[in-house]
């Protein structure tokens, strides 16, 4: 018996949807080609370099 592998693709957001979603939690998020990216790694790396 053969099973098909399926993957759900993430829904891409528009800028308007992203701005409506954007939380006020003190973290930095960016929209890259419709995908939300949390900039934690970039901020952590900068903090370590400033140390």
PDB file of N, CA and C in Angstrom:
ATOM      1  N   UNK A   1       0.845  -1.180   0.000  1.00  0.00           N
ATOM      2  CA  UNK A   1       0.000   0.000   0.000  1.00  0.00           C
ATOM      3  C   UNK A   1       0.892   1.245   0.000  1.00  0.00           C
ATOM      4  N   UNK A   2       0.548   2.219  -0.806  1.00  0.00           N
ATOM      5  CA  UNK A   2       1.317   3.457  -0.911  1.00  0.00           C
ATOM      6  C   UNK A   2       0.564   4.586  -0.225  1.00  0.00           C
ATOM      7  N   UNK A   3       1.291   5.351   0.593  1.00  0.00           N
ATOM      8  CA  UNK A   3       0.694   6.510   1.252  1.00  0.00           C
ATOM      9  C   UNK A   3       1.285   7.774   0.640  1.00  0.00           C
ATOM     10  N   UNK A   4       0.437   8.721   0.399  1.00  0.00           N
ATOM     11  CA  UNK A   4       0.894   9.999  -0.140  1.00  0.00           C
ATOM     12  C   UNK A   4       1.347  10.893   1.010  1.00  0.00           C
ATOM     13  N   UNK A   5       2.496  11.521   0.839  1.00  0.00           N
ATOM     14  CA  UNK A   5       2.973  12.471   1.824  1.00  0.00           C
ATOM     15  C   UNK A   5       2.478  13.852   1.426  1.00  0.00           C
ATOM     16  N   UNK A   6       1.829  14.504   2.356  1.00  0.00           N
ATOM     17  CA  UNK A   6       1.339  15.844   2.061  1.00  0.00           C
ATOM     18  C   UNK A   6       1.871  16.816   3.092  1.00  0.00           C
ATOM     19  N   UNK A   7       2.008  18.035   2.683  1.00  0.00           N
ATOM     20  CA  UNK A   7       2.491  19.085   3.570  1.00  0.00           C
ATOM     21  C   UNK A   7       1.625  20.315   3.348  1.00  0.00           C
ATOM     22  N   UNK A   8       1.162  20.901   4.441  1.00  0.00           N
ATOM     23  CA  UNK A   8       0.381  22.115   4.339  1.00  0.00           C
ATOM     24  C   UNK A   8       1.333  23.295   4.220  1.00  0.00           C
ATOM     25  N   UNK A   9       1.172  24.075   3.192  1.00  0.00           N
ATOM     26  CA  UNK A   9       2.009  25.254   3.012  1.00  0.00           C
ATOM     27  C   UNK A   9       1.494  26.384   3.892  1.00  0.00           C
ATOM     28  N   UNK A  10       2.418  27.168   4.451  1.00  0.00           N
ATOM     29  CA  UNK A  10       1.973  28.272   5.298  1.00  0.00           C
ATOM     30  C   UNK A  10       1.243  29.325   4.467  1.00  0.00           C
ATOM     31  N   UNK A  11       0.260  29.966   5.103  1.00  0.00           N
ATOM     32  CA  UNK A  11      -0.458  31.035   4.421  1.00  0.00           C
ATOM     33  C   UNK A  11       0.431  32.270   4.402  1.00  0.00           C
ATOM     34  N   UNK A  12       0.616  32.841   3.239  1.00  0.00           N
ATOM     35  CA  UNK A  12       1.423  34.044   3.121  1.00  0.00           C
ATOM     36  C   UNK A  12       0.563  35.251   3.483  1.00  0.00           C
ATOM     37  N   UNK A  13       1.131  36.156   4.267  1.00  0.00           N
ATOM     38  CA  UNK A  13       0.405  37.337   4.707  1.00  0.00           C
ATOM     39  C   UNK A  13       0.718  38.532   3.832  1.00  0.00           C
ATOM     40  N   UNK A  14      -0.243  39.416   3.732  1.00  0.00           N
ATOM     41  CA  UNK A  14       0.002  40.706   3.094  1.00  0.00           C
ATOM     42  C   UNK A  14       0.526  41.656   4.168  1.00  0.00           C
ATOM     43  N   UNK A  15       1.027  42.807   3.748  1.00  0.00           N
ATOM     44  CA  UNK A  15       1.507  43.798   4.705  1.00  0.00           C
ATOM     45  C   UNK A  15       0.371  44.241   5.624  1.00  0.00           C
ATOM     46  N   UNK A  16      -0.804  44.431   5.074  1.00  0.00           N
ATOM     47  CA  UNK A  16      -1.965  44.847   5.872  1.00  0.00           C
ATOM     48  C   UNK A  16      -2.311  43.801   6.932  1.00  0.00           C
ATOM     49  N   UNK A  17      -2.315  42.523   6.565  1.00  0.00           N
ATOM     50  CA  UNK A  17      -2.591  41.448   7.529  1.00  0.00           C
ATOM     51  C   UNK A  17      -1.514  41.394   8.609  1.00  0.00           C
ATOM     52  N   UNK A  18      -0.269  41.578   8.210  1.00  0.00           N
ATOM     53  CA  UNK A  18       0.851  41.574   9.155  1.00  0.00           C
ATOM     54  C   UNK A  18       0.713  42.701  10.170  1.00  0.00           C
ATOM     55  N   UNK A  19       0.366  43.894   9.705  1.00  0.00           N
ATOM     56  CA  UNK A  19       0.211  45.033  10.608  1.00  0.00           C
ATOM     57  C   UNK A  19      -0.960  44.822  11.572  1.00  0.00           C
ATOM     58  N   UNK A  20      -2.013  44.174  11.105  1.00  0.00           N
ATOM     59  CA  UNK A  20      -3.149  43.869  11.968  1.00  0.00           C
ATOM     60  C   UNK A  20      -2.768  42.821  13.018  1.00  0.00           C
ATOM     61  N   UNK A  21      -1.937  41.854  12.657  1.00  0.00           N
ATOM     62  CA  UNK A  21      -1.510  40.775  13.538  1.00  0.00           C
ATOM     63  C   UNK A  21      -0.466  41.234  14.561  1.00  0.00           C
ATOM     64  N   UNK A  22       0.392  42.186  14.190  1.00  0.00           N
ATOM     65  CA  UNK A  22       1.591  42.539  14.955  1.00  0.00           C
ATOM     66  C   UNK A  22       1.283  42.744  16.439  1.00  0.00           C
ATOM     67  N   UNK A  23       1.873  41.906  17.321  1.00  0.00           N
ATOM     68  CA  UNK A  23       1.605  42.017  18.754  1.00  0.00           C
ATOM     69  C   UNK A  23       2.438  43.131  19.411  1.00  0.00           C
ATOM     70  N   UNK A  24       1.996  43.588  20.536  1.00  0.00           N
ATOM     71  CA  UNK A  24       2.725  44.599  21.306  1.00  0.00           C
ATOM     72  C   UNK A  24       3.396  43.883  22.477  1.00  0.00           C
ATOM     73  N   UNK A  25       4.369  43.023  22.166  1.00  0.00           N
ATOM     74  CA  UNK A  25       5.016  42.214  23.203  1.00  0.00           C
ATOM     75  C   UNK A  25       6.492  42.568  23.400  1.00  0.00           C
ATOM     76  N   UNK A  26       6.938  43.657  22.788  1.00  0.00           N
ATOM     77  CA  UNK A  26       8.322  44.088  22.964  1.00  0.00           C
ATOM     78  C   UNK A  26       9.316  43.358  22.077  1.00  0.00           C
ATOM     79  N   UNK A  27       8.855  42.397  21.283  1.00  0.00           N
ATOM     80  CA  UNK A  27       9.737  41.663  20.375  1.00  0.00           C
ATOM     81  C   UNK A  27       9.658  42.288  18.989  1.00  0.00           C
ATOM     82  N   UNK A  28      10.662  42.023  18.181  1.00  0.00           N
ATOM     83  CA  UNK A  28      10.716  42.575  16.828  1.00  0.00           C
ATOM     84  C   UNK A  28      10.383  41.488  15.817  1.00  0.00           C
ATOM     85  N   UNK A  29       9.408  41.764  14.987  1.00  0.00           N
ATOM     86  CA  UNK A  29       9.007  40.846  13.934  1.00  0.00           C
ATOM     87  C   UNK A  29       9.152  41.545  12.599  1.00  0.00           C
ATOM     88  N   UNK A  30       9.425  40.763  11.563  1.00  0.00           N
ATOM     89  CA  UNK A  30       9.514  41.291  10.213  1.00  0.00           C
ATOM     90  C   UNK A  30       8.722  40.376   9.286  1.00  0.00           C
ATOM     91  N   UNK A  31       8.305  40.927   8.189  1.00  0.00           N
ATOM     92  CA  UNK A  31       7.587  40.158   7.179  1.00  0.00           C
ATOM     93  C   UNK A  31       8.517  39.963   5.990  1.00  0.00           C
ATOM     94  N   UNK A  32       8.869  38.700   5.711  1.00  0.00           N
ATOM     95  CA  UNK A  32       9.767  38.372   4.598  1.00  0.00           C
ATOM     96  C   UNK A  32       9.023  37.501   3.603  1.00  0.00           C
ATOM     97  N   UNK A  33       8.724  38.075   2.445  1.00  0.00           N
ATOM     98  CA  UNK A  33       8.023  37.349   1.374  1.00  0.00           C
ATOM     99  C   UNK A  33       6.746  36.690   1.890  1.00  0.00           C
ATOM    100  N   UNK A  34       6.031  37.404   2.771  1.00  0.00           N
ATOM    101  CA  UNK A  34       4.748  36.911   3.267  1.00  0.00           C
ATOM    102  C   UNK A  34       4.834  36.048   4.506  1.00  0.00           C
ATOM    103  N   UNK A  35       6.040  35.799   5.014  1.00  0.00           N
ATOM    104  CA  UNK A  35       6.239  34.942   6.183  1.00  0.00           C
ATOM    105  C   UNK A  35       6.737  35.795   7.356  1.00  0.00           C
ATOM    106  N   UNK A  36       6.142  35.602   8.536  1.00  0.00           N
ATOM    107  CA  UNK A  36       6.543  36.349   9.729  1.00  0.00           C
ATOM    108  C   UNK A  36       7.842  35.765  10.282  1.00  0.00           C
ATOM    109  N   UNK A  37       8.810  36.637  10.539  1.00  0.00           N
ATOM    110  CA  UNK A  37      10.104  36.216  11.090  1.00  0.00           C
ATOM    111  C   UNK A  37      10.337  36.972  12.390  1.00  0.00           C
ATOM    112  N   UNK A  38      10.613  36.218  13.464  1.00  0.00           N
ATOM    113  CA  UNK A  38      10.945  36.818  14.754  1.00  0.00           C
ATOM    114  C   UNK A  38      12.447  37.056  14.763  1.00  0.00           C
ATOM    115  N   UNK A  39      12.876  38.278  15.037  1.00  0.00           N
ATOM    116  CA  UNK A  39      14.284  38.652  14.929  1.00  0.00           C
ATOM    117  C   UNK A  39      15.075  38.375  16.202  1.00  0.00           C
ATOM    118  N   UNK A  40      14.750  37.313  16.939  1.00  0.00           N
ATOM    119  CA  UNK A  40      15.430  36.961  18.183  1.00  0.00           C
ATOM    120  C   UNK A  40      16.916  36.691  17.966  1.00  0.00           C
ATOM    121  N   UNK A  41      17.247  35.878  16.988  1.00  0.00           N
ATOM    122  CA  UNK A  41      18.644  35.497  16.757  1.00  0.00           C
ATOM    123  C   UNK A  41      19.489  36.718  16.436  1.00  0.00           C
ATOM    124  N   UNK A  42      19.005  37.594  15.583  1.00  0.00           N
ATOM    125  CA  UNK A  42      19.738  38.802  15.227  1.00  0.00           C
ATOM    126  C   UNK A  42      19.989  39.666  16.463  1.00  0.00           C
ATOM    127  N   UNK A  43      18.963  39.852  17.302  1.00  0.00           N
ATOM    128  CA  UNK A  43      19.103  40.681  18.500  1.00  0.00           C
ATOM    129  C   UNK A  43      20.064  40.040  19.503  1.00  0.00           C
ATOM    130  N   UNK A  44      20.022  38.721  19.651  1.00  0.00           N
ATOM    131  CA  UNK A  44      20.918  38.020  20.571  1.00  0.00           C
ATOM    132  C   UNK A  44      22.361  38.138  20.097  1.00  0.00           C
ATOM    133  N   UNK A  45      22.581  37.973  18.807  1.00  0.00           N
ATOM    134  CA  UNK A  45      23.927  38.078  18.250  1.00  0.00           C
ATOM    135  C   UNK A  45      24.477  39.486  18.464  1.00  0.00           C
ATOM    136  N   UNK A  46      23.663  40.506  18.242  1.00  0.00           N
ATOM    137  CA  UNK A  46      24.113  41.881  18.427  1.00  0.00           C
ATOM    138  C   UNK A  46      24.464  42.129  19.895  1.00  0.00           C
ATOM    139  N   UNK A  47      23.649  41.616  20.816  1.00  0.00           N
ATOM    140  CA  UNK A  47      23.928  41.784  22.241  1.00  0.00           C
ATOM    141  C   UNK A  47      25.252  41.145  22.617  1.00  0.00           C
ATOM    142  N   UNK A  48      25.520  39.962  22.086  1.00  0.00           N
ATOM    143  CA  UNK A  48      26.781  39.276  22.391  1.00  0.00           C
ATOM    144  C   UNK A  48      27.974  40.040  21.830  1.00  0.00           C
ATOM    145  N   UNK A  49      27.815  40.629  20.652  1.00  0.00           N
ATOM    146  CA  UNK A  49      28.899  41.380  20.049  1.00  0.00           C
ATOM    147  C   UNK A  49      29.164  42.681  20.803  1.00  0.00           C
ATOM    148  N   UNK A  50      28.125  43.269  21.394  1.00  0.00           N
ATOM    149  CA  UNK A  50      28.276  44.507  22.161  1.00  0.00           C
ATOM    150  C   UNK A  50      28.917  44.269  23.523  1.00  0.00           C
ATOM    151  N   UNK A  51      28.925  43.007  23.982  1.00  0.00           N
ATOM    152  CA  UNK A  51      29.432  42.670  25.303  1.00  0.00           C
ATOM    153  C   UNK A  51      30.898  42.848  25.376  1.00  0.00           C
TER     154      UNK A  51
END
